[in-house]
Every structure is written in structure tokens, then in C-alpha cells.
Amino acid sequence: MTIHSSVRSSETGRFMAEYLESLALVERLHRLLLDVIKDEFERLGVLEINAVQALLLFNIGENEVTAGELKTRGYYQGSNVSYNLKKLVELGFMHHQRCSIDRRSVRVRLTEKGRNIRALVQALFARHAEGLQNSAVLGEAGMEGINAALRRIERYWADQIRFIY
């Protein structure tokens, strides 16, 4: 083994360790986000909806979508989104309607009750954004840098799925 290949191997090992730490952080951040939403809802006495469902309402927003569209946007897995959409319709947070063109497809949109939940999540996120900025935990440039890096990873992973050997 040459000095050059030894240095490269060491750099590769360090990069791999950093990559694995990034993966673990993304996973932990997602779980923490769900816990933060859950805690907020418990504090407000909103108990009939869980954090995953609240985040789903937030992400749908004012759009009218199908479960398939949510999957292709990369927000949710198939059975998970179908189950949660069904529950949200049953609980009155969403309207559903069969698509007139493709009767197999169901389009959903938020009800007033769903928009109220979305507003709670929006307010929570606004408080967090303000807190991060005011406490100098992360400024606009830092947030832009994180987002740019995550978008590059997202593109890389998407390419890996599309162009599997």
C-alpha cells in the first residue's frame, strides 16, 4: 500500500463516518419533529390527531391531491399515506372525492377542521424559525447552506433509485 492510497483510504473512512452521522441526524431530526408536534398538540389539548397526520395536513396545505401525488412528491410511503388519509377523512379533517376521469383515484383536500390543524403547525414552525434566528442558532445563510446540501443528497439518492445498475 502506498502513502497516497493510505491517505485516500483514511479520507474515505472519515467521509463514511461523517455520512453515517448525517444519516443518523436526519433520522433523529425527523423523529424529534414528530415529538415536537405531538407535545404541542398535547399542550393545546388536540388529541384526536397524531403528529404524522398533522404533518400530512401541513404538507397538503391548500392543494387538492391524490395519495399517489403525495408519494411521488416523496413525502410518504404508500400504505402509510393511504391509511392516514382514510383516518383524516373519517375524523373530518379532509374531504375526499373520486376523480371524474379516473374513478380509481381519490382526490383529497383539507376541511375547515383540517385547515385549523394546519394553522397550528404553521404557527409552531413560525415560532421555531423565529427562535432559531433570534437565538443565533442558525441564520439565513446557514439555513440556505443546509437546504442546498440536503437537496444535493436528495438528487443523488433519487438518481441512485432511477439508475440502479
N, C-alpha and C. Protein backbone atom coordinates (compact mmCIF):
# COMPACT_ATOMS: atom_id res chain seq x y z
N MET A 1 0.84 -1.17 0.00
CA MET A 1 0.00 0.00 0.00
C MET A 1 0.89 1.24 0.00
N THR A 2 0.61 2.15 -0.90
CA THR A 2 1.40 3.38 -0.99
C THR A 2 0.87 4.41 0.00
N ILE A 3 1.67 5.43 0.24
CA ILE A 3 1.25 6.51 1.13
C ILE A 3 0.00 7.18 0.58
N HIS A 4 -0.02 7.37 -0.76
CA HIS A 4 -1.16 8.02 -1.40
C HIS A 4 -2.46 7.24 -1.18
N SER A 5 -2.42 5.94 -1.38
CA SER A 5 -3.64 5.14 -1.20
C SER A 5 -4.02 5.04 0.27
N SER A 6 -3.05 5.08 1.18
CA SER A 6 -3.33 5.05 2.60
C SER A 6 -4.05 6.33 3.04
N VAL A 7 -3.59 7.47 2.52
CA VAL A 7 -4.22 8.75 2.83
C VAL A 7 -5.64 8.77 2.27
N ARG A 8 -5.80 8.28 1.03
CA ARG A 8 -7.12 8.24 0.41
C ARG A 8 -8.06 7.33 1.20
N SER A 9 -7.55 6.19 1.66
CA SER A 9 -8.35 5.27 2.45
C SER A 9 -8.79 5.91 3.76
N SER A 10 -7.91 6.66 4.38
CA SER A 10 -8.22 7.34 5.63
C SER A 10 -9.28 8.42 5.39
N GLU A 11 -9.14 9.17 4.31
CA GLU A 11 -10.12 10.20 3.96
C GLU A 11 -11.48 9.57 3.68
N THR A 12 -11.47 8.45 2.98
CA THR A 12 -12.72 7.75 2.68
C THR A 12 -13.39 7.27 3.96
N GLY A 13 -12.60 6.76 4.88
CA GLY A 13 -13.14 6.32 6.17
C GLY A 13 -13.74 7.46 6.96
N ARG A 14 -13.07 8.60 6.98
CA ARG A 14 -13.61 9.77 7.69
C ARG A 14 -14.89 10.26 7.02
N PHE A 15 -14.89 10.27 5.68
CA PHE A 15 -16.09 10.71 4.97
C PHE A 15 -17.25 9.77 5.27
N MET A 16 -16.97 8.47 5.28
CA MET A 16 -18.01 7.48 5.56
C MET A 16 -18.58 7.70 6.96
N ALA A 17 -17.72 7.97 7.93
CA ALA A 17 -18.18 8.22 9.30
C ALA A 17 -19.07 9.47 9.35
N GLU A 18 -18.67 10.52 8.65
CA GLU A 18 -19.48 11.75 8.60
C GLU A 18 -20.81 11.50 7.90
N TYR A 19 -20.78 10.71 6.83
CA TYR A 19 -22.01 10.39 6.10
C TYR A 19 -22.97 9.62 7.00
N LEU A 20 -22.48 8.63 7.72
CA LEU A 20 -23.33 7.85 8.63
C LEU A 20 -23.88 8.73 9.75
N GLU A 21 -23.07 9.67 10.24
CA GLU A 21 -23.57 10.58 11.26
C GLU A 21 -24.68 11.47 10.69
N SER A 22 -24.51 11.93 9.45
CA SER A 22 -25.55 12.74 8.81
C SER A 22 -26.84 11.96 8.66
N LEU A 23 -26.75 10.71 8.26
CA LEU A 23 -27.95 9.87 8.13
C LEU A 23 -28.66 9.73 9.47
N ALA A 24 -27.89 9.49 10.51
CA ALA A 24 -28.46 9.33 11.84
C ALA A 24 -29.11 10.64 12.31
N LEU A 25 -28.48 11.77 12.01
CA LEU A 25 -29.04 13.07 12.39
C LEU A 25 -30.36 13.34 11.67
N VAL A 26 -30.42 13.06 10.38
CA VAL A 26 -31.66 13.28 9.63
C VAL A 26 -32.78 12.44 10.22
N GLU A 27 -32.48 11.18 10.51
CA GLU A 27 -33.48 10.29 11.09
C GLU A 27 -33.94 10.80 12.47
N ARG A 28 -32.97 11.18 13.32
CA ARG A 28 -33.32 11.69 14.65
C ARG A 28 -34.10 13.00 14.56
N LEU A 29 -33.72 13.86 13.64
CA LEU A 29 -34.43 15.13 13.48
C LEU A 29 -35.88 14.90 13.09
N HIS A 30 -36.12 13.94 12.21
CA HIS A 30 -37.50 13.66 11.80
C HIS A 30 -38.31 13.16 13.01
N ARG A 31 -37.74 12.25 13.77
CA ARG A 31 -38.45 11.74 14.96
C ARG A 31 -38.68 12.86 15.98
N LEU A 32 -37.67 13.72 16.15
CA LEU A 32 -37.81 14.85 17.07
C LEU A 32 -38.90 15.81 16.60
N LEU A 33 -38.96 16.05 15.30
CA LEU A 33 -40.00 16.93 14.75
C LEU A 33 -41.38 16.37 15.10
N LEU A 34 -41.56 15.07 14.93
CA LEU A 34 -42.84 14.46 15.27
C LEU A 34 -43.12 14.60 16.77
N ASP A 35 -42.09 14.45 17.61
CA ASP A 35 -42.27 14.61 19.06
C ASP A 35 -42.63 16.05 19.42
N VAL A 36 -42.01 17.01 18.74
CA VAL A 36 -42.30 18.43 18.99
C VAL A 36 -43.76 18.73 18.65
N ILE A 37 -44.24 18.22 17.51
CA ILE A 37 -45.63 18.42 17.11
C ILE A 37 -46.56 17.74 18.11
N LYS A 38 -46.23 16.51 18.49
CA LYS A 38 -47.04 15.77 19.47
C LYS A 38 -47.14 16.54 20.78
N ASP A 39 -46.02 17.04 21.28
CA ASP A 39 -46.02 17.79 22.53
C ASP A 39 -46.85 19.07 22.42
N GLU A 40 -46.74 19.75 21.30
CA GLU A 40 -47.52 20.97 21.09
C GLU A 40 -49.02 20.66 21.11
N PHE A 41 -49.39 19.58 20.43
CA PHE A 41 -50.80 19.21 20.38
C PHE A 41 -51.31 18.77 21.75
N GLU A 42 -50.49 18.07 22.51
CA GLU A 42 -50.89 17.69 23.87
C GLU A 42 -51.08 18.94 24.73
N ARG A 43 -50.18 19.89 24.59
CA ARG A 43 -50.27 21.14 25.34
C ARG A 43 -51.55 21.88 24.99
N LEU A 44 -51.96 21.83 23.72
CA LEU A 44 -53.16 22.53 23.26
C LEU A 44 -54.44 21.70 23.44
N GLY A 45 -54.28 20.44 23.86
CA GLY A 45 -55.45 19.58 24.04
C GLY A 45 -55.99 19.00 22.73
N VAL A 46 -55.16 18.98 21.70
CA VAL A 46 -55.55 18.38 20.41
C VAL A 46 -55.11 16.92 20.47
N LEU A 47 -56.07 16.02 20.71
CA LEU A 47 -55.71 14.63 20.97
C LEU A 47 -56.22 13.66 19.91
N GLU A 48 -57.09 14.09 19.00
CA GLU A 48 -57.67 13.13 18.05
C GLU A 48 -56.83 12.93 16.80
N ILE A 49 -55.71 13.62 16.71
CA ILE A 49 -54.86 13.52 15.52
C ILE A 49 -53.41 13.32 15.99
N ASN A 50 -52.66 12.50 15.26
CA ASN A 50 -51.27 12.30 15.65
C ASN A 50 -50.35 13.22 14.84
N ALA A 51 -49.08 13.23 15.20
CA ALA A 51 -48.12 14.15 14.59
C ALA A 51 -47.92 13.85 13.10
N VAL A 52 -47.89 12.59 12.72
CA VAL A 52 -47.73 12.23 11.30
C VAL A 52 -48.90 12.78 10.50
N GLN A 53 -50.11 12.63 11.03
CA GLN A 53 -51.30 13.12 10.34
C GLN A 53 -51.30 14.65 10.27
N ALA A 54 -50.86 15.31 11.33
CA ALA A 54 -50.79 16.77 11.33
C ALA A 54 -49.79 17.26 10.30
N LEU A 55 -48.66 16.58 10.19
CA LEU A 55 -47.65 16.96 9.20
C LEU A 55 -48.17 16.73 7.79
N LEU A 56 -48.95 15.68 7.60
CA LEU A 56 -49.58 15.41 6.31
C LEU A 56 -50.51 16.56 5.94
N LEU A 57 -51.34 17.01 6.89
CA LEU A 57 -52.23 18.15 6.64
C LEU A 57 -51.42 19.39 6.29
N PHE A 58 -50.34 19.61 7.02
CA PHE A 58 -49.49 20.77 6.77
C PHE A 58 -48.93 20.72 5.35
N ASN A 59 -48.44 19.57 4.94
CA ASN A 59 -47.82 19.44 3.62
C ASN A 59 -48.83 19.53 2.47
N ILE A 60 -50.04 19.10 2.70
CA ILE A 60 -51.08 19.21 1.66
C ILE A 60 -51.48 20.67 1.48
N GLY A 61 -51.62 21.37 2.59
CA GLY A 61 -51.95 22.79 2.53
C GLY A 61 -53.25 23.06 1.80
N GLU A 62 -53.23 24.00 0.89
CA GLU A 62 -54.42 24.38 0.13
C GLU A 62 -54.58 23.56 -1.15
N ASN A 63 -53.73 22.58 -1.35
CA ASN A 63 -53.79 21.77 -2.56
C ASN A 63 -54.87 20.71 -2.50
N GLU A 64 -55.29 20.25 -3.65
CA GLU A 64 -56.16 19.08 -3.76
C GLU A 64 -55.30 18.02 -4.42
N VAL A 65 -55.08 16.89 -3.74
CA VAL A 65 -54.10 15.90 -4.19
C VAL A 65 -54.66 14.49 -4.09
N THR A 66 -53.94 13.56 -4.71
CA THR A 66 -54.21 12.14 -4.55
C THR A 66 -53.10 11.54 -3.68
N ALA A 67 -53.34 10.35 -3.17
CA ALA A 67 -52.31 9.66 -2.40
C ALA A 67 -51.08 9.44 -3.28
N GLY A 68 -51.31 9.11 -4.53
CA GLY A 68 -50.19 8.89 -5.46
C GLY A 68 -49.33 10.12 -5.63
N GLU A 69 -49.96 11.29 -5.67
CA GLU A 69 -49.20 12.53 -5.80
C GLU A 69 -48.34 12.77 -4.56
N LEU A 70 -48.87 12.46 -3.39
CA LEU A 70 -48.08 12.62 -2.17
C LEU A 70 -46.88 11.68 -2.18
N LYS A 71 -47.09 10.46 -2.69
CA LYS A 71 -45.98 9.50 -2.79
C LYS A 71 -44.93 9.99 -3.78
N THR A 72 -45.38 10.48 -4.95
CA THR A 72 -44.40 10.89 -5.95
C THR A 72 -43.66 12.16 -5.54
N ARG A 73 -44.26 12.97 -4.70
CA ARG A 73 -43.56 14.14 -4.16
C ARG A 73 -42.51 13.71 -3.14
N GLY A 74 -42.57 12.46 -2.73
CA GLY A 74 -41.57 11.95 -1.80
C GLY A 74 -41.89 12.17 -0.35
N TYR A 75 -43.12 12.60 -0.02
CA TYR A 75 -43.45 12.84 1.37
C TYR A 75 -43.72 11.58 2.16
N TYR A 76 -44.38 10.59 1.53
CA TYR A 76 -44.90 9.46 2.30
C TYR A 76 -44.80 8.16 1.53
N GLN A 77 -44.80 7.06 2.27
CA GLN A 77 -44.84 5.73 1.69
C GLN A 77 -46.29 5.34 1.42
N GLY A 78 -46.51 4.41 0.51
CA GLY A 78 -47.84 4.04 0.04
C GLY A 78 -48.87 3.69 1.08
N SER A 79 -48.69 2.60 1.83
CA SER A 79 -49.72 2.17 2.76
C SER A 79 -49.87 3.18 3.90
N ASN A 80 -48.78 3.79 4.30
CA ASN A 80 -48.82 4.78 5.36
C ASN A 80 -49.71 5.96 4.97
N VAL A 81 -49.52 6.49 3.77
CA VAL A 81 -50.30 7.65 3.36
C VAL A 81 -51.77 7.27 3.16
N SER A 82 -52.03 6.11 2.61
CA SER A 82 -53.41 5.68 2.38
C SER A 82 -54.15 5.53 3.70
N TYR A 83 -53.52 4.89 4.67
CA TYR A 83 -54.13 4.72 5.99
C TYR A 83 -54.42 6.08 6.63
N ASN A 84 -53.43 6.96 6.63
CA ASN A 84 -53.60 8.25 7.29
C ASN A 84 -54.62 9.13 6.57
N LEU A 85 -54.67 9.08 5.25
CA LEU A 85 -55.69 9.84 4.53
C LEU A 85 -57.08 9.34 4.89
N LYS A 86 -57.23 8.03 4.96
CA LYS A 86 -58.52 7.45 5.32
C LYS A 86 -58.94 7.91 6.72
N LYS A 87 -58.02 7.86 7.68
CA LYS A 87 -58.32 8.29 9.04
C LYS A 87 -58.68 9.78 9.08
N LEU A 88 -57.95 10.59 8.33
CA LEU A 88 -58.22 12.03 8.33
C LEU A 88 -59.58 12.36 7.73
N VAL A 89 -60.00 11.58 6.73
CA VAL A 89 -61.34 11.76 6.17
C VAL A 89 -62.37 11.35 7.21
N GLU A 90 -62.17 10.19 7.85
CA GLU A 90 -63.11 9.71 8.87
C GLU A 90 -63.26 10.69 10.02
N LEU A 91 -62.17 11.35 10.40
CA LEU A 91 -62.18 12.29 11.52
C LEU A 91 -62.65 13.69 11.12
N GLY A 92 -62.90 13.90 9.82
CA GLY A 92 -63.42 15.19 9.36
C GLY A 92 -62.37 16.25 9.08
N PHE A 93 -61.11 15.85 8.97
CA PHE A 93 -60.05 16.81 8.67
C PHE A 93 -59.86 17.01 7.16
N MET A 94 -60.40 16.08 6.37
CA MET A 94 -60.25 16.14 4.92
C MET A 94 -61.55 15.76 4.23
N HIS A 95 -61.75 16.35 3.05
CA HIS A 95 -62.81 15.94 2.13
C HIS A 95 -62.17 14.97 1.14
N HIS A 96 -62.93 14.02 0.65
CA HIS A 96 -62.42 13.17 -0.43
C HIS A 96 -63.49 13.06 -1.51
N GLN A 97 -63.01 12.89 -2.73
CA GLN A 97 -63.91 12.81 -3.86
C GLN A 97 -63.24 12.00 -4.96
N ARG A 98 -63.98 11.09 -5.56
CA ARG A 98 -63.45 10.29 -6.67
C ARG A 98 -63.18 11.21 -7.85
N CYS A 99 -62.09 10.97 -8.52
CA CYS A 99 -61.73 11.73 -9.70
C CYS A 99 -62.71 11.36 -10.82
N SER A 100 -63.23 12.35 -11.51
CA SER A 100 -64.21 12.10 -12.57
C SER A 100 -63.57 11.40 -13.78
N ILE A 101 -62.29 11.59 -14.00
CA ILE A 101 -61.61 10.98 -15.14
C ILE A 101 -61.17 9.56 -14.82
N ASP A 102 -60.52 9.37 -13.67
CA ASP A 102 -60.05 8.05 -13.26
C ASP A 102 -60.76 7.69 -11.96
N ARG A 103 -61.80 6.89 -12.03
CA ARG A 103 -62.64 6.57 -10.89
C ARG A 103 -61.87 5.82 -9.78
N ARG A 104 -60.71 5.26 -10.10
CA ARG A 104 -59.91 4.58 -9.08
C ARG A 104 -59.20 5.57 -8.18
N SER A 105 -59.01 6.77 -8.69
CA SER A 105 -58.25 7.79 -7.98
C SER A 105 -59.18 8.65 -7.11
N VAL A 106 -58.74 8.93 -5.89
CA VAL A 106 -59.49 9.77 -4.97
C VAL A 106 -58.68 11.03 -4.70
N ARG A 107 -59.31 12.16 -4.85
CA ARG A 107 -58.66 13.44 -4.57
C ARG A 107 -59.09 13.90 -3.18
N VAL A 108 -58.15 14.46 -2.43
CA VAL A 108 -58.44 14.93 -1.08
C VAL A 108 -58.03 16.39 -0.93
N ARG A 109 -58.73 17.07 -0.03
CA ARG A 109 -58.37 18.44 0.32
C ARG A 109 -58.79 18.67 1.77
N LEU A 110 -58.21 19.67 2.40
CA LEU A 110 -58.48 19.94 3.80
C LEU A 110 -59.87 20.55 3.99
N THR A 111 -60.51 20.15 5.08
CA THR A 111 -61.74 20.80 5.52
C THR A 111 -61.33 21.99 6.38
N GLU A 112 -62.31 22.72 6.88
CA GLU A 112 -62.02 23.83 7.80
C GLU A 112 -61.29 23.29 9.04
N LYS A 113 -61.72 22.14 9.52
CA LYS A 113 -61.09 21.50 10.67
C LYS A 113 -59.62 21.16 10.35
N GLY A 114 -59.36 20.68 9.15
CA GLY A 114 -58.01 20.37 8.72
C GLY A 114 -57.16 21.62 8.57
N ARG A 115 -57.77 22.69 8.05
CA ARG A 115 -57.03 23.96 7.91
C ARG A 115 -56.68 24.53 9.29
N ASN A 116 -57.53 24.30 10.28
CA ASN A 116 -57.22 24.76 11.65
C ASN A 116 -55.99 24.04 12.20
N ILE A 117 -55.91 22.73 11.96
CA ILE A 117 -54.73 21.97 12.40
C ILE A 117 -53.49 22.45 11.66
N ARG A 118 -53.64 22.66 10.36
CA ARG A 118 -52.51 23.17 9.56
C ARG A 118 -52.02 24.50 10.13
N ALA A 119 -52.95 25.37 10.53
CA ALA A 119 -52.57 26.67 11.09
C ALA A 119 -51.80 26.50 12.40
N LEU A 120 -52.16 25.52 13.22
CA LEU A 120 -51.43 25.26 14.46
C LEU A 120 -49.99 24.85 14.16
N VAL A 121 -49.82 23.97 13.18
CA VAL A 121 -48.47 23.51 12.81
C VAL A 121 -47.68 24.68 12.21
N GLN A 122 -48.33 25.48 11.38
CA GLN A 122 -47.69 26.66 10.78
C GLN A 122 -47.21 27.61 11.87
N ALA A 123 -48.04 27.86 12.87
CA ALA A 123 -47.66 28.75 13.96
C ALA A 123 -46.48 28.18 14.76
N LEU A 124 -46.50 26.88 14.99
CA LEU A 124 -45.39 26.22 15.68
C LEU A 124 -44.09 26.40 14.90
N PHE A 125 -44.15 26.14 13.60
CA PHE A 125 -42.95 26.27 12.77
C PHE A 125 -42.48 27.72 12.70
N ALA A 126 -43.40 28.68 12.68
CA ALA A 126 -43.03 30.10 12.65
C ALA A 126 -42.30 30.48 13.95
N ARG A 127 -42.81 29.98 15.07
CA ARG A 127 -42.14 30.25 16.36
C ARG A 127 -40.73 29.65 16.37
N HIS A 128 -40.61 28.44 15.84
CA HIS A 128 -39.29 27.81 15.80
C HIS A 128 -38.33 28.56 14.89
N ALA A 129 -38.80 28.99 13.74
CA ALA A 129 -37.93 29.73 12.81
C ALA A 129 -37.46 31.02 13.46
N GLU A 130 -38.38 31.72 14.12
CA GLU A 130 -38.01 32.96 14.80
C GLU A 130 -37.04 32.68 15.94
N GLY A 131 -37.28 31.62 16.69
CA GLY A 131 -36.39 31.27 17.80
C GLY A 131 -34.99 30.91 17.33
N LEU A 132 -34.91 30.14 16.25
CA LEU A 132 -33.59 29.77 15.71
C LEU A 132 -32.83 31.01 15.26
N GLN A 133 -33.54 31.90 14.59
CA GLN A 133 -32.90 33.11 14.08
C GLN A 133 -32.52 34.06 15.21
N ASN A 134 -33.43 34.29 16.15
CA ASN A 134 -33.17 35.25 17.24
C ASN A 134 -32.10 34.77 18.21
N SER A 135 -32.00 33.46 18.39
CA SER A 135 -31.00 32.94 19.33
C SER A 135 -29.66 32.69 18.66
N ALA A 136 -29.57 33.02 17.39
CA ALA A 136 -28.35 32.86 16.61
C ALA A 136 -27.91 31.40 16.51
N VAL A 137 -28.84 30.48 16.68
CA VAL A 137 -28.53 29.07 16.47
C VAL A 137 -28.21 28.86 15.00
N LEU A 138 -28.99 29.51 14.17
CA LEU A 138 -28.82 29.35 12.73
C LEU A 138 -29.40 30.57 12.04
N GLY A 139 -28.59 31.22 11.22
CA GLY A 139 -29.06 32.37 10.46
C GLY A 139 -29.54 31.95 9.08
N GLU A 140 -29.94 32.93 8.29
CA GLU A 140 -30.46 32.65 6.96
C GLU A 140 -29.42 31.95 6.08
N ALA A 141 -28.19 32.40 6.13
CA ALA A 141 -27.14 31.78 5.30
C ALA A 141 -26.90 30.32 5.72
N GLY A 142 -26.92 30.07 7.01
CA GLY A 142 -26.74 28.70 7.48
C GLY A 142 -27.88 27.80 7.03
N MET A 143 -29.10 28.32 7.11
CA MET A 143 -30.27 27.55 6.67
C MET A 143 -30.19 27.28 5.17
N GLU A 144 -29.80 28.29 4.41
CA GLU A 144 -29.66 28.11 2.96
C GLU A 144 -28.61 27.05 2.64
N GLY A 145 -27.52 27.05 3.39
CA GLY A 145 -26.45 26.07 3.18
C GLY A 145 -26.92 24.65 3.48
N ILE A 146 -27.63 24.49 4.59
CA ILE A 146 -28.16 23.17 4.95
C ILE A 146 -29.12 22.68 3.86
N ASN A 147 -30.03 23.55 3.44
CA ASN A 147 -31.01 23.17 2.42
C ASN A 147 -30.34 22.81 1.10
N ALA A 148 -29.34 23.56 0.71
CA ALA A 148 -28.63 23.27 -0.54
C ALA A 148 -27.95 21.90 -0.45
N ALA A 149 -27.31 21.61 0.67
CA ALA A 149 -26.64 20.32 0.84
C ALA A 149 -27.66 19.18 0.84
N LEU A 150 -28.78 19.36 1.53
CA LEU A 150 -29.79 18.31 1.57
C LEU A 150 -30.42 18.08 0.20
N ARG A 151 -30.63 19.15 -0.57
CA ARG A 151 -31.16 18.98 -1.94
C ARG A 151 -30.18 18.19 -2.82
N ARG A 152 -28.88 18.44 -2.65
CA ARG A 152 -27.88 17.68 -3.43
C ARG A 152 -27.91 16.20 -3.06
N ILE A 153 -28.04 15.89 -1.78
CA ILE A 153 -28.14 14.50 -1.35
C ILE A 153 -29.42 13.88 -1.90
N GLU A 154 -30.52 14.64 -1.83
CA GLU A 154 -31.80 14.15 -2.36
C GLU A 154 -31.68 13.80 -3.84
N ARG A 155 -31.05 14.67 -4.61
CA ARG A 155 -30.86 14.39 -6.05
C ARG A 155 -29.99 13.16 -6.25
N TYR A 156 -28.93 13.04 -5.48
CA TYR A 156 -28.04 11.89 -5.60
C TYR A 156 -28.80 10.60 -5.31
N TRP A 157 -29.55 10.58 -4.22
CA TRP A 157 -30.32 9.37 -3.87
C TRP A 157 -31.37 9.07 -4.94
N ALA A 158 -32.07 10.08 -5.42
CA ALA A 158 -33.08 9.87 -6.46
C ALA A 158 -32.44 9.27 -7.71
N ASP A 159 -31.26 9.75 -8.05
CA ASP A 159 -30.54 9.19 -9.21
C ASP A 159 -30.17 7.73 -8.97
N GLN A 160 -29.83 7.39 -7.73
CA GLN A 160 -29.48 6.01 -7.41
C GLN A 160 -30.67 5.08 -7.61
N ILE A 161 -31.85 5.57 -7.28
CA ILE A 161 -33.07 4.77 -7.44
C ILE A 161 -33.41 4.61 -8.92
N ARG A 162 -33.32 5.71 -9.66
CA ARG A 162 -33.68 5.68 -11.07
C ARG A 162 -32.71 4.87 -11.93
N PHE A 163 -31.45 4.94 -11.58
CA PHE A 163 -30.43 4.32 -12.44
C PHE A 163 -29.72 3.17 -11.77
N ILE A 164 -30.52 2.34 -11.11
CA ILE A 164 -29.93 1.16 -10.44
C ILE A 164 -29.26 0.29 -11.49
N TYR A 165 -28.16 -0.14 -11.17
CA TYR A 165 -27.25 -0.88 -12.02
C TYR A 165 -28.03 -1.81 -12.83
